[in-house]
PDB file of N, CA and C in Angstrom:
ATOM      1  N   GLY A   1     -14.201  12.491  11.599  1.00  0.00           N
ATOM      2  CA  GLY A   1     -13.593  13.792  11.701  1.00  0.00           C
ATOM      3  C   GLY A   1     -12.420  13.836  12.658  1.00  0.00           C
ATOM      4  N   ASP A   2     -11.854  12.692  13.024  1.00  0.00           N
ATOM      5  CA  ASP A   2     -10.740  12.667  13.963  1.00  0.00           C
ATOM      6  C   ASP A   2      -9.442  13.029  13.248  1.00  0.00           C
ATOM      7  N   GLN A   3      -8.845  14.126  13.651  1.00  0.00           N
ATOM      8  CA  GLN A   3      -7.647  14.634  12.990  1.00  0.00           C
ATOM      9  C   GLN A   3      -6.393  13.821  13.302  1.00  0.00           C
ATOM     10  N   ARG A   4      -6.443  12.960  14.282  1.00  0.00           N
ATOM     11  CA  ARG A   4      -5.259  12.178  14.652  1.00  0.00           C
ATOM     12  C   ARG A   4      -4.849  11.196  13.558  1.00  0.00           C
ATOM     13  N   GLY A   5      -5.748  10.835  12.679  1.00  0.00           N
ATOM     14  CA  GLY A   5      -5.446   9.865  11.635  1.00  0.00           C
ATOM     15  C   GLY A   5      -4.933  10.463  10.333  1.00  0.00           C
ATOM     16  N   ILE A   6      -4.847  11.781  10.250  1.00  0.00           N
ATOM     17  CA  ILE A   6      -4.493  12.429   8.987  1.00  0.00           C
ATOM     18  C   ILE A   6      -3.130  11.972   8.465  1.00  0.00           C
ATOM     19  N   ASP A   7      -2.115  11.971   9.323  1.00  0.00           N
ATOM     20  CA  ASP A   7      -0.768  11.598   8.869  1.00  0.00           C
ATOM     21  C   ASP A   7      -0.703  10.150   8.384  1.00  0.00           C
ATOM     22  N   VAL A   8      -1.346   9.254   9.118  1.00  0.00           N
ATOM     23  CA  VAL A   8      -1.327   7.836   8.739  1.00  0.00           C
ATOM     24  C   VAL A   8      -2.093   7.623   7.430  1.00  0.00           C
ATOM     25  N   LEU A   9      -3.231   8.258   7.301  1.00  0.00           N
ATOM     26  CA  LEU A   9      -4.018   8.132   6.069  1.00  0.00           C
ATOM     27  C   LEU A   9      -3.240   8.653   4.861  1.00  0.00           C
ATOM     28  N   ALA A  10      -2.519   9.743   5.038  1.00  0.00           N
ATOM     29  CA  ALA A  10      -1.723  10.300   3.937  1.00  0.00           C
ATOM     30  C   ALA A  10      -0.609   9.337   3.535  1.00  0.00           C
ATOM     31  N   LYS A  11      -0.022   8.660   4.514  1.00  0.00           N
ATOM     32  CA  LYS A  11       1.028   7.673   4.201  1.00  0.00           C
ATOM     33  C   LYS A  11       0.453   6.498   3.422  1.00  0.00           C
ATOM     34  N   VAL A  12      -0.749   6.077   3.773  1.00  0.00           N
ATOM     35  CA  VAL A  12      -1.394   4.970   3.066  1.00  0.00           C
ATOM     36  C   VAL A  12      -1.705   5.377   1.619  1.00  0.00           C
ATOM     37  N   VAL A  13      -2.173   6.594   1.435  1.00  0.00           N
ATOM     38  CA  VAL A  13      -2.468   7.076   0.081  1.00  0.00           C
ATOM     39  C   VAL A  13      -1.202   7.076  -0.770  1.00  0.00           C
ATOM     40  N   SER A  14      -0.082   7.442  -0.176  1.00  0.00           N
ATOM     41  CA  SER A  14       1.192   7.532  -0.918  1.00  0.00           C
ATOM     42  C   SER A  14       1.864   6.194  -1.139  1.00  0.00           C
ATOM     43  N   ASP A  15       1.426   5.176  -0.456  1.00  0.00           N
ATOM     44  CA  ASP A  15       2.088   3.871  -0.515  1.00  0.00           C
ATOM     45  C   ASP A  15       1.592   3.072  -1.716  1.00  0.00           C
ATOM     46  N   LYS A  16       2.167   3.368  -2.881  1.00  0.00           N
ATOM     47  CA  LYS A  16       1.806   2.669  -4.109  1.00  0.00           C
ATOM     48  C   LYS A  16       2.975   1.785  -4.524  1.00  0.00           C
ATOM     49  N   ASP A  17       2.709   0.513  -4.680  1.00  0.00           N
ATOM     50  CA  ASP A  17       3.752  -0.439  -5.064  1.00  0.00           C
ATOM     51  C   ASP A  17       4.117  -0.256  -6.529  1.00  0.00           C
ATOM     52  N   ALA A  18       5.371  -0.500  -6.850  1.00  0.00           N
ATOM     53  CA  ALA A  18       5.840  -0.382  -8.234  1.00  0.00           C
ATOM     54  C   ALA A  18       5.289  -1.502  -9.116  1.00  0.00           C
ATOM     55  N   ASP A  19       5.005  -2.648  -8.522  1.00  0.00           N
ATOM     56  CA  ASP A  19       4.445  -3.770  -9.260  1.00  0.00           C
ATOM     57  C   ASP A  19       2.969  -3.484  -9.562  1.00  0.00           C
ATOM     58  N   ALA A  20       2.589  -3.579 -10.824  1.00  0.00           N
ATOM     59  CA  ALA A  20       1.227  -3.228 -11.246  1.00  0.00           C
ATOM     60  C   ALA A  20       0.169  -4.096 -10.574  1.00  0.00           C
ATOM     61  N   GLU A  21       0.448  -5.378 -10.413  1.00  0.00           N
ATOM     62  CA  GLU A  21      -0.534  -6.277  -9.791  1.00  0.00           C
ATOM     63  C   GLU A  21      -0.735  -5.928  -8.320  1.00  0.00           C
ATOM     64  N   ARG A  22       0.335  -5.663  -7.615  1.00  0.00           N
ATOM     65  CA  ARG A  22       0.223  -5.288  -6.199  1.00  0.00           C
ATOM     66  C   ARG A  22      -0.440  -3.924  -6.056  1.00  0.00           C
ATOM     67  N   ALA A  23      -0.120  -3.009  -6.960  1.00  0.00           N
ATOM     68  CA  ALA A  23      -0.720  -1.679  -6.923  1.00  0.00           C
ATOM     69  C   ALA A  23      -2.231  -1.761  -7.126  1.00  0.00           C
ATOM     70  N   ALA A  24      -2.668  -2.665  -7.990  1.00  0.00           N
ATOM     71  CA  ALA A  24      -4.106  -2.842  -8.223  1.00  0.00           C
ATOM     72  C   ALA A  24      -4.802  -3.342  -6.960  1.00  0.00           C
ATOM     73  N   ARG A  25      -4.123  -4.218  -6.212  1.00  0.00           N
ATOM     74  CA  ARG A  25      -4.710  -4.720  -4.961  1.00  0.00           C
ATOM     75  C   ARG A  25      -4.728  -3.640  -3.880  1.00  0.00           C
ATOM     76  N   GLN A  26      -3.795  -2.701  -3.933  1.00  0.00           N
ATOM     77  CA  GLN A  26      -3.722  -1.628  -2.942  1.00  0.00           C
ATOM     78  C   GLN A  26      -4.721  -0.499  -3.225  1.00  0.00           C
ATOM     79  N   LYS A  27      -5.234  -0.458  -4.415  1.00  0.00           N
ATOM     80  CA  LYS A  27      -6.054   0.678  -4.835  1.00  0.00           C
ATOM     81  C   LYS A  27      -7.238   0.932  -3.908  1.00  0.00           C
ATOM     82  N   ALA A  28      -7.938  -0.099  -3.508  1.00  0.00           N
ATOM     83  CA  ALA A  28      -9.129   0.090  -2.670  1.00  0.00           C
ATOM     84  C   ALA A  28      -8.771   0.735  -1.334  1.00  0.00           C
ATOM     85  N   VAL A  29      -7.677   0.311  -0.744  1.00  0.00           N
ATOM     86  CA  VAL A  29      -7.261   0.870   0.539  1.00  0.00           C
ATOM     87  C   VAL A  29      -6.804   2.317   0.365  1.00  0.00           C
ATOM     88  N   ARG A  30      -6.052   2.579  -0.695  1.00  0.00           N
ATOM     89  CA  ARG A  30      -5.582   3.935  -0.962  1.00  0.00           C
ATOM     90  C   ARG A  30      -6.758   4.870  -1.236  1.00  0.00           C
ATOM     91  N   LEU A  31      -7.727   4.396  -2.009  1.00  0.00           N
ATOM     92  CA  LEU A  31      -8.897   5.202  -2.344  1.00  0.00           C
ATOM     93  C   LEU A  31      -9.732   5.501  -1.100  1.00  0.00           C
ATOM     94  N   THR A  32      -9.924   4.509  -0.266  1.00  0.00           N
ATOM     95  CA  THR A  32     -10.681   4.702   0.971  1.00  0.00           C
ATOM     96  C   THR A  32      -9.975   5.678   1.900  1.00  0.00           C
ATOM     97  N   SER A  33      -8.657   5.609   1.962  1.00  0.00           N
ATOM     98  CA  SER A  33      -7.891   6.538   2.799  1.00  0.00           C
ATOM     99  C   SER A  33      -8.004   7.967   2.280  1.00  0.00           C
ATOM    100  N   ALA A  34      -7.956   8.143   0.967  1.00  0.00           N
ATOM    101  CA  ALA A  34      -8.106   9.476   0.385  1.00  0.00           C
ATOM    102  C   ALA A  34      -9.503  10.033   0.650  1.00  0.00           C
ATOM    103  N   LYS A  35     -10.523   9.173   0.563  1.00  0.00           N
ATOM    104  CA  LYS A  35     -11.892   9.615   0.862  1.00  0.00           C
ATOM    105  C   LYS A  35     -12.030  10.013   2.320  1.00  0.00           C
ATOM    106  N   ALA A  36     -11.373   9.247   3.218  1.00  0.00           N
ATOM    107  CA  ALA A  36     -11.414   9.578   4.643  1.00  0.00           C
ATOM    108  C   ALA A  36     -10.746  10.937   4.898  1.00  0.00           C
ATOM    109  N   LEU A  37      -9.634  11.196   4.225  1.00  0.00           N
ATOM    110  CA  LEU A  37      -8.978  12.500   4.355  1.00  0.00           C
ATOM    111  C   LEU A  37      -9.897  13.616   3.870  1.00  0.00           C
ATOM    112  N   SER A  38     -10.567  13.381   2.765  1.00  0.00           N
ATOM    113  CA  SER A  38     -11.483  14.372   2.226  1.00  0.00           C
ATOM    114  C   SER A  38     -12.588  14.696   3.229  1.00  0.00           C
ATOM    115  N   ARG A  39     -13.142  13.658   3.847  1.00  0.00           N
ATOM    116  CA  ARG A  39     -14.207  13.870   4.834  1.00  0.00           C
ATOM    117  C   ARG A  39     -13.694  14.614   6.067  1.00  0.00           C
ATOM    118  N   ILE A  40     -12.498  14.246   6.532  1.00  0.00           N
ATOM    119  CA  ILE A  40     -11.927  14.906   7.711  1.00  0.00           C
ATOM    120  C   ILE A  40     -11.707  16.390   7.424  1.00  0.00           C
ATOM    121  N   PHE A  41     -11.128  16.696   6.252  1.00  0.00           N
ATOM    122  CA  PHE A  41     -10.882  18.094   5.909  1.00  0.00           C
ATOM    123  C   PHE A  41     -12.191  18.867   5.762  1.00  0.00           C
ATOM    124  N   LYS A  42     -13.210  18.224   5.223  1.00  0.00           N
ATOM    125  CA  LYS A  42     -14.502  18.890   5.037  1.00  0.00           C
ATOM    126  C   LYS A  42     -15.157  19.193   6.386  1.00  0.00           C
ATOM    127  N   GLN A  43     -15.077  18.240   7.313  1.00  0.00           N
ATOM    128  CA  GLN A  43     -15.709  18.413   8.620  1.00  0.00           C
ATOM    129  C   GLN A  43     -14.965  19.393   9.514  1.00  0.00           C
ATOM    130  N   THR A  44     -13.638  19.378   9.429  1.00  0.00           N
ATOM    131  CA  THR A  44     -12.847  20.175  10.366  1.00  0.00           C
ATOM    132  C   THR A  44     -12.313  21.467   9.776  1.00  0.00           C
ATOM    133  N   GLY A  45     -12.100  21.511   8.460  1.00  0.00           N
ATOM    134  CA  GLY A  45     -11.527  22.696   7.832  1.00  0.00           C
ATOM    135  C   GLY A  45     -10.076  22.925   8.194  1.00  0.00           C
ATOM    136  N   VAL A  46      -9.401  21.871   8.626  1.00  0.00           N
ATOM    137  CA  VAL A  46      -8.017  21.974   9.060  1.00  0.00           C
ATOM    138  C   VAL A  46      -7.079  22.175   7.863  1.00  0.00           C
ATOM    139  N   THR A  47      -5.966  22.850   8.098  1.00  0.00           N
ATOM    140  CA  THR A  47      -4.932  23.024   7.078  1.00  0.00           C
ATOM    141  C   THR A  47      -3.985  21.827   7.157  1.00  0.00           C
ATOM    142  N   PRO A  48      -3.736  21.142   6.035  1.00  0.00           N
ATOM    143  CA  PRO A  48      -2.845  19.979   6.076  1.00  0.00           C
ATOM    144  C   PRO A  48      -1.399  20.397   6.321  1.00  0.00           C
ATOM    145  N   SER A  49      -0.678  19.525   7.021  1.00  0.00           N
ATOM    146  CA  SER A  49       0.749  19.768   7.227  1.00  0.00           C
ATOM    147  C   SER A  49       1.455  19.692   5.874  1.00  0.00           C
ATOM    148  N   SER A  50       2.684  20.125   5.820  1.00  0.00           N
ATOM    149  CA  SER A  50       3.407  20.118   4.547  1.00  0.00           C
ATOM    150  C   SER A  50       3.576  18.702   4.015  1.00  0.00           C
ATOM    151  N   GLU A  51       3.773  17.715   4.903  1.00  0.00           N
ATOM    152  CA  GLU A  51       3.934  16.326   4.464  1.00  0.00           C
ATOM    153  C   GLU A  51       2.640  15.787   3.865  1.00  0.00           C
ATOM    154  N   VAL A  52       1.532  16.062   4.507  1.00  0.00           N
ATOM    155  CA  VAL A  52       0.230  15.605   4.019  1.00  0.00           C
ATOM    156  C   VAL A  52      -0.101  16.312   2.706  1.00  0.00           C
ATOM    157  N   PHE A  53       0.156  17.606   2.643  1.00  0.00           N
ATOM    158  CA  PHE A  53      -0.091  18.361   1.417  1.00  0.00           C
ATOM    159  C   PHE A  53       0.726  17.782   0.262  1.00  0.00           C
ATOM    160  N   GLU A  54       2.002  17.520   0.489  1.00  0.00           N
ATOM    161  CA  GLU A  54       2.863  16.974  -0.565  1.00  0.00           C
ATOM    162  C   GLU A  54       2.392  15.593  -1.016  1.00  0.00           C
ATOM    163  N   ALA A  55       1.952  14.767  -0.072  1.00  0.00           N
ATOM    164  CA  ALA A  55       1.460  13.426  -0.420  1.00  0.00           C
ATOM    165  C   ALA A  55       0.222  13.515  -1.301  1.00  0.00           C
ATOM    166  N   LEU A  56      -0.714  14.367  -0.930  1.00  0.00           N
ATOM    167  CA  LEU A  56      -1.932  14.514  -1.727  1.00  0.00           C
ATOM    168  C   LEU A  56      -1.627  15.157  -3.076  1.00  0.00           C
ATOM    169  N   LYS A  57      -0.766  16.157  -3.082  1.00  0.00           N
ATOM    170  CA  LYS A  57      -0.401  16.832  -4.330  1.00  0.00           C
ATOM    171  C   LYS A  57       0.259  15.848  -5.294  1.00  0.00           C
ATOM    172  N   LYS A  58       1.171  15.043  -4.784  1.00  0.00           N
ATOM    173  CA  LYS A  58       1.857  14.060  -5.625  1.00  0.00           C
ATOM    174  C   LYS A  58       0.856  13.085  -6.242  1.00  0.00           C
ATOM    175  N   ASN A  59      -0.145  12.709  -5.475  1.00  0.00           N
ATOM    176  CA  ASN A  59      -1.109  11.720  -5.957  1.00  0.00           C
ATOM    177  C   ASN A  59      -2.193  12.307  -6.845  1.00  0.00           C
ATOM    178  N   THR A  60      -2.180  13.619  -7.075  1.00  0.00           N
ATOM    179  CA  THR A  60      -3.084  14.177  -8.081  1.00  0.00           C
ATOM    180  C   THR A  60      -2.577  13.863  -9.488  1.00  0.00           C
ATOM    181  N   LYS A  61      -1.374  13.304  -9.573  1.00  0.00           N
ATOM    182  CA  LYS A  61      -0.818  12.824 -10.842  1.00  0.00           C
ATOM    183  C   LYS A  61      -0.417  11.359 -10.704  1.00  0.00           C
ATOM    184  N   ASP A  62      -1.255  10.587 -10.054  1.00  0.00           N
ATOM    185  CA  ASP A  62      -0.987   9.184  -9.747  1.00  0.00           C
ATOM    186  C   ASP A  62      -1.036   8.289 -10.975  1.00  0.00           C
ATOM    187  N   GLY A  63      -1.862   8.622 -11.921  1.00  0.00           N
ATOM    188  CA  GLY A  63      -2.056   7.766 -13.083  1.00  0.00           C
ATOM    189  C   GLY A  63      -3.371   7.002 -13.017  1.00  0.00           C
ATOM    190  N   ASP A  64      -3.979   6.949 -11.856  1.00  0.00           N
ATOM    191  CA  ASP A  64      -5.287   6.328 -11.677  1.00  0.00           C
ATOM    192  C   ASP A  64      -6.291   7.453 -11.457  1.00  0.00           C
ATOM    193  N   TYR A  65      -7.281   7.544 -12.337  1.00  0.00           N
ATOM    194  CA  TYR A  65      -8.227   8.647 -12.310  1.00  0.00           C
ATOM    195  C   TYR A  65      -8.936   8.782 -10.969  1.00  0.00           C
ATOM    196  N   GLN A  66      -9.380   7.682 -10.383  1.00  0.00           N
ATOM    197  CA  GLN A  66     -10.125   7.740  -9.125  1.00  0.00           C
ATOM    198  C   GLN A  66      -9.258   8.262  -7.976  1.00  0.00           C
ATOM    199  N   ILE A  67      -8.014   7.814  -7.917  1.00  0.00           N
ATOM    200  CA  ILE A  67      -7.098   8.294  -6.878  1.00  0.00           C
ATOM    201  C   ILE A  67      -6.836   9.780  -7.071  1.00  0.00           C
ATOM    202  N   GLU A  68      -6.567  10.180  -8.315  1.00  0.00           N
ATOM    203  CA  GLU A  68      -6.299  11.589  -8.608  1.00  0.00           C
ATOM    204  C   GLU A  68      -7.484  12.461  -8.214  1.00  0.00           C
ATOM    205  N   LEU A  69      -8.685  12.036  -8.588  1.00  0.00           N
ATOM    206  CA  LEU A  69      -9.890  12.804  -8.303  1.00  0.00           C
ATOM    207  C   LEU A  69     -10.128  12.925  -6.799  1.00  0.00           C
ATOM    208  N   THR A  70      -9.969  11.842  -6.076  1.00  0.00           N
ATOM    209  CA  THR A  70     -10.230  11.853  -4.637  1.00  0.00           C
ATOM    210  C   THR A  70      -9.179  12.670  -3.888  1.00  0.00           C
ATOM    211  N   CYS A  71      -7.923  12.601  -4.317  1.00  0.00           N
ATOM    212  CA  CYS A  71      -6.888  13.429  -3.688  1.00  0.00           C
ATOM    213  C   CYS A  71      -7.151  14.908  -3.979  1.00  0.00           C
ATOM    214  N   GLY A  72      -7.589  15.207  -5.179  1.00  0.00           N
ATOM    215  CA  GLY A  72      -7.959  16.579  -5.517  1.00  0.00           C
ATOM    216  C   GLY A  72      -9.136  17.066  -4.687  1.00  0.00           C
ATOM    217  N   GLU A  73     -10.094  16.180  -4.459  1.00  0.00           N
ATOM    218  CA  GLU A  73     -11.244  16.524  -3.619  1.00  0.00           C
ATOM    219  C   GLU A  73     -10.800  16.798  -2.191  1.00  0.00           C
ATOM    220  N   ALA A  74      -9.879  15.976  -1.686  1.00  0.00           N
ATOM    221  CA  ALA A  74      -9.373  16.178  -0.325  1.00  0.00           C
ATOM    222  C   ALA A  74      -8.676  17.533  -0.217  1.00  0.00           C
ATOM    223  N   LEU A  75      -7.885  17.877  -1.217  1.00  0.00           N
ATOM    224  CA  LEU A  75      -7.220  19.179  -1.201  1.00  0.00           C
ATOM    225  C   LEU A  75      -8.236  20.308  -1.312  1.00  0.00           C
ATOM    226  N   GLY A  76      -9.294  20.085  -2.079  1.00  0.00           N
ATOM    227  CA  GLY A  76     -10.342  21.087  -2.208  1.00  0.00           C
ATOM    228  C   GLY A  76     -11.118  21.296  -0.926  1.00  0.00           C
ATOM    229  N   ASN A  77     -11.244  20.247  -0.126  1.00  0.00           N
ATOM    230  CA  ASN A  77     -11.960  20.350   1.145  1.00  0.00           C
ATOM    231  C   ASN A  77     -11.090  20.901   2.271  1.00  0.00           C
ATOM    232  N   ALA A  78      -9.782  20.889   2.084  1.00  0.00           N
ATOM    233  CA  ALA A  78      -8.864  21.389   3.106  1.00  0.00           C
ATOM    234  C   ALA A  78      -8.789  22.911   3.036  1.00  0.00           C
ATOM    235  N   THR A  79      -8.412  23.507   4.135  1.00  0.00           N
ATOM    236  CA  THR A  79      -8.159  24.940   4.163  1.00  0.00           C
ATOM    237  C   THR A  79      -6.676  25.125   3.859  1.00  0.00           C
ATOM    238  N   LEU A  80      -6.370  25.457   2.613  1.00  0.00           N
ATOM    239  CA  LEU A  80      -4.984  25.588   2.185  1.00  0.00           C
ATOM    240  C   LEU A  80      -4.472  27.000   2.438  1.00  0.00           C
ATOM    241  N   THR A  81      -3.168  27.076   2.699  1.00  0.00           N
ATOM    242  CA  THR A  81      -2.541  28.388   2.809  1.00  0.00           C
ATOM    243  C   THR A  81      -2.376  28.954   1.401  1.00  0.00           C
ATOM    244  N   ASN A  82      -2.099  30.225   1.300  1.00  0.00           N
ATOM    245  CA  ASN A  82      -1.899  30.827  -0.022  1.00  0.00           C
ATOM    246  C   ASN A  82      -0.707  30.197  -0.736  1.00  0.00           C
ATOM    247  N   ALA A  83       0.350  29.901   0.007  1.00  0.00           N
ATOM    248  CA  ALA A  83       1.531  29.264  -0.591  1.00  0.00           C
ATOM    249  C   ALA A  83       1.179  27.881  -1.125  1.00  0.00           C
ATOM    250  N   GLN A  84       0.358  27.131  -0.384  1.00  0.00           N
ATOM    251  CA  GLN A  84      -0.060  25.802  -0.843  1.00  0.00           C
ATOM    252  C   GLN A  84      -0.932  25.913  -2.090  1.00  0.00           C
ATOM    253  N   ARG A  85      -1.809  26.889  -2.135  1.00  0.00           N
ATOM    254  CA  ARG A  85      -2.659  27.087  -3.322  1.00  0.00           C
ATOM    255  C   ARG A  85      -1.817  27.392  -4.555  1.00  0.00           C
ATOM    256  N   LEU A  86      -0.832  28.249  -4.398  1.00  0.00           N
ATOM    257  CA  LEU A  86       0.055  28.605  -5.504  1.00  0.00           C
ATOM    258  C   LEU A  86       0.864  27.390  -5.969  1.00  0.00           C
ATOM    259  N   ASP A  87       1.377  26.636  -5.009  1.00  0.00           N
ATOM    260  CA  ASP A  87       2.149  25.430  -5.330  1.00  0.00           C
ATOM    261  C   ASP A  87       1.286  24.411  -6.063  1.00  0.00           C
ATOM    262  N   LEU A  88       0.062  24.212  -5.610  1.00  0.00           N
ATOM    263  CA  LEU A  88      -0.848  23.265  -6.241  1.00  0.00           C
ATOM    264  C   LEU A  88      -1.227  23.711  -7.647  1.00  0.00           C
ATOM    265  N   SER A  89      -1.439  24.986  -7.815  1.00  0.00           N
ATOM    266  CA  SER A  89      -1.774  25.514  -9.133  1.00  0.00           C
ATOM    267  C   SER A  89      -0.629  25.287 -10.118  1.00  0.00           C
ATOM    268  N   ALA A  90       0.586  25.529  -9.693  1.00  0.00           N
ATOM    269  CA  ALA A  90       1.751  25.308 -10.560  1.00  0.00           C
ATOM    270  C   ALA A  90       1.947  23.824 -10.848  1.00  0.00           C
ATOM    271  N   HIS A  91       1.636  22.978  -9.895  1.00  0.00           N
ATOM    272  CA  HIS A  91       1.812  21.526 -10.047  1.00  0.00           C
ATOM    273  C   HIS A  91       0.858  20.944 -11.079  1.00  0.00           C
ATOM    274  N   ARG A  92      -0.348  21.444 -11.137  1.00  0.00           N
ATOM    275  CA  ARG A  92      -1.371  20.877 -12.012  1.00  0.00           C
ATOM    276  C   ARG A  92      -1.406  21.483 -13.403  1.00  0.00           C
ATOM    277  N   ARG A  93      -0.530  22.413 -13.705  1.00  0.00           N
ATOM    278  CA  ARG A  93      -0.517  23.001 -15.049  1.00  0.00           C
ATOM    279  C   ARG A  93      -0.137  21.962 -16.074  1.00  0.00           C
ATOM    280  N   ILE A  94      -0.690  22.115 -17.246  1.00  0.00           N
ATOM    281  CA  ILE A  94      -0.387  21.203 -18.341  1.00  0.00           C
ATOM    282  C   ILE A  94       0.942  21.613 -18.953  1.00  0.00           C
ATOM    283  N   VAL A  95       1.813  20.641 -19.077  1.00  0.00           N
ATOM    284  CA  VAL A  95       3.122  20.896 -19.660  1.00  0.00           C
ATOM    285  C   VAL A  95       3.167  20.247 -21.033  1.00  0.00           C
ATOM    286  N   ARG A  96       3.418  21.067 -22.040  1.00  0.00           N
ATOM    287  CA  ARG A  96       3.541  20.534 -23.394  1.00  0.00           C
ATOM    288  C   ARG A  96       5.006  20.384 -23.719  1.00  0.00           C
ATOM    289  N   GLU A  97       5.355  19.231 -24.227  1.00  0.00           N
ATOM    290  CA  GLU A  97       6.748  18.968 -24.537  1.00  0.00           C
ATOM    291  C   GLU A  97       7.100  19.321 -25.975  1.00  0.00           C
ATOM    292  N   ALA A  98       6.119  19.492 -26.821  1.00  0.00           N
ATOM    293  CA  ALA A  98       6.381  19.768 -28.234  1.00  0.00           C
ATOM    294  C   ALA A  98       5.836  21.138 -28.608  1.00  0.00           C
ATOM    295  N   VAL A  99       6.513  21.807 -29.467  1.00  0.00           N
ATOM    296  CA  VAL A  99       6.071  23.099 -29.977  1.00  0.00           C
ATOM    297  C   VAL A  99       5.521  22.865 -31.386  1.00  0.00           C
ATOM    298  N   THR A 100       4.344  23.412 -31.621  1.00  0.00           N
ATOM    299  CA  THR A 100       3.713  23.250 -32.928  1.00  0.00           C
ATOM    300  C   THR A 100       3.711  24.580 -33.671  1.00  0.00           C
ATOM    301  N   SER A 101       3.336  24.544 -34.941  1.00  0.00           N
ATOM    302  CA  SER A 101       3.268  25.765 -35.749  1.00  0.00           C
ATOM    303  C   SER A 101       2.146  26.685 -35.266  1.00  0.00           C
ATOM    304  N   ASP A 102       1.198  26.167 -34.490  1.00  0.00           N
ATOM    305  CA  ASP A 102       0.097  26.973 -33.979  1.00  0.00           C
ATOM    306  C   ASP A 102       0.502  27.819 -32.775  1.00  0.00           C
ATOM    307  N   ASP A 103       1.658  27.518 -32.190  1.00  0.00           N
ATOM    308  CA  ASP A 103       2.109  28.261 -31.018  1.00  0.00           C
ATOM    309  C   ASP A 103       2.576  29.655 -31.425  1.00  0.00           C
ATOM    310  N   PRO A 104       2.312  30.648 -30.558  1.00  0.00           N
ATOM    311  CA  PRO A 104       2.746  32.013 -30.891  1.00  0.00           C
ATOM    312  C   PRO A 104       4.260  32.166 -30.805  1.00  0.00           C
TER     313      PRO A 104
END
């Protein structure tokens, strides 16, 4: 529950290599860091700084289900401001690129 590590943990979560092989090796560390953030937020109820919020929000669309889920859990355990809740809600909306005949 030590809040001093929040910024560093968020940086580790965001540090995904462009190379697929290196990214696969980083996954365990990134996942563990996201879980640690989730636990810290759950224990303390602290509101994440804008940098930490943006890092977690960005990683809710990481492409790896486990990372996305754990970052979402961390955000769920944090005490978000109303502006952060609105921003997160808009970020996670499904965007359809094609219009079908079923659309109104």
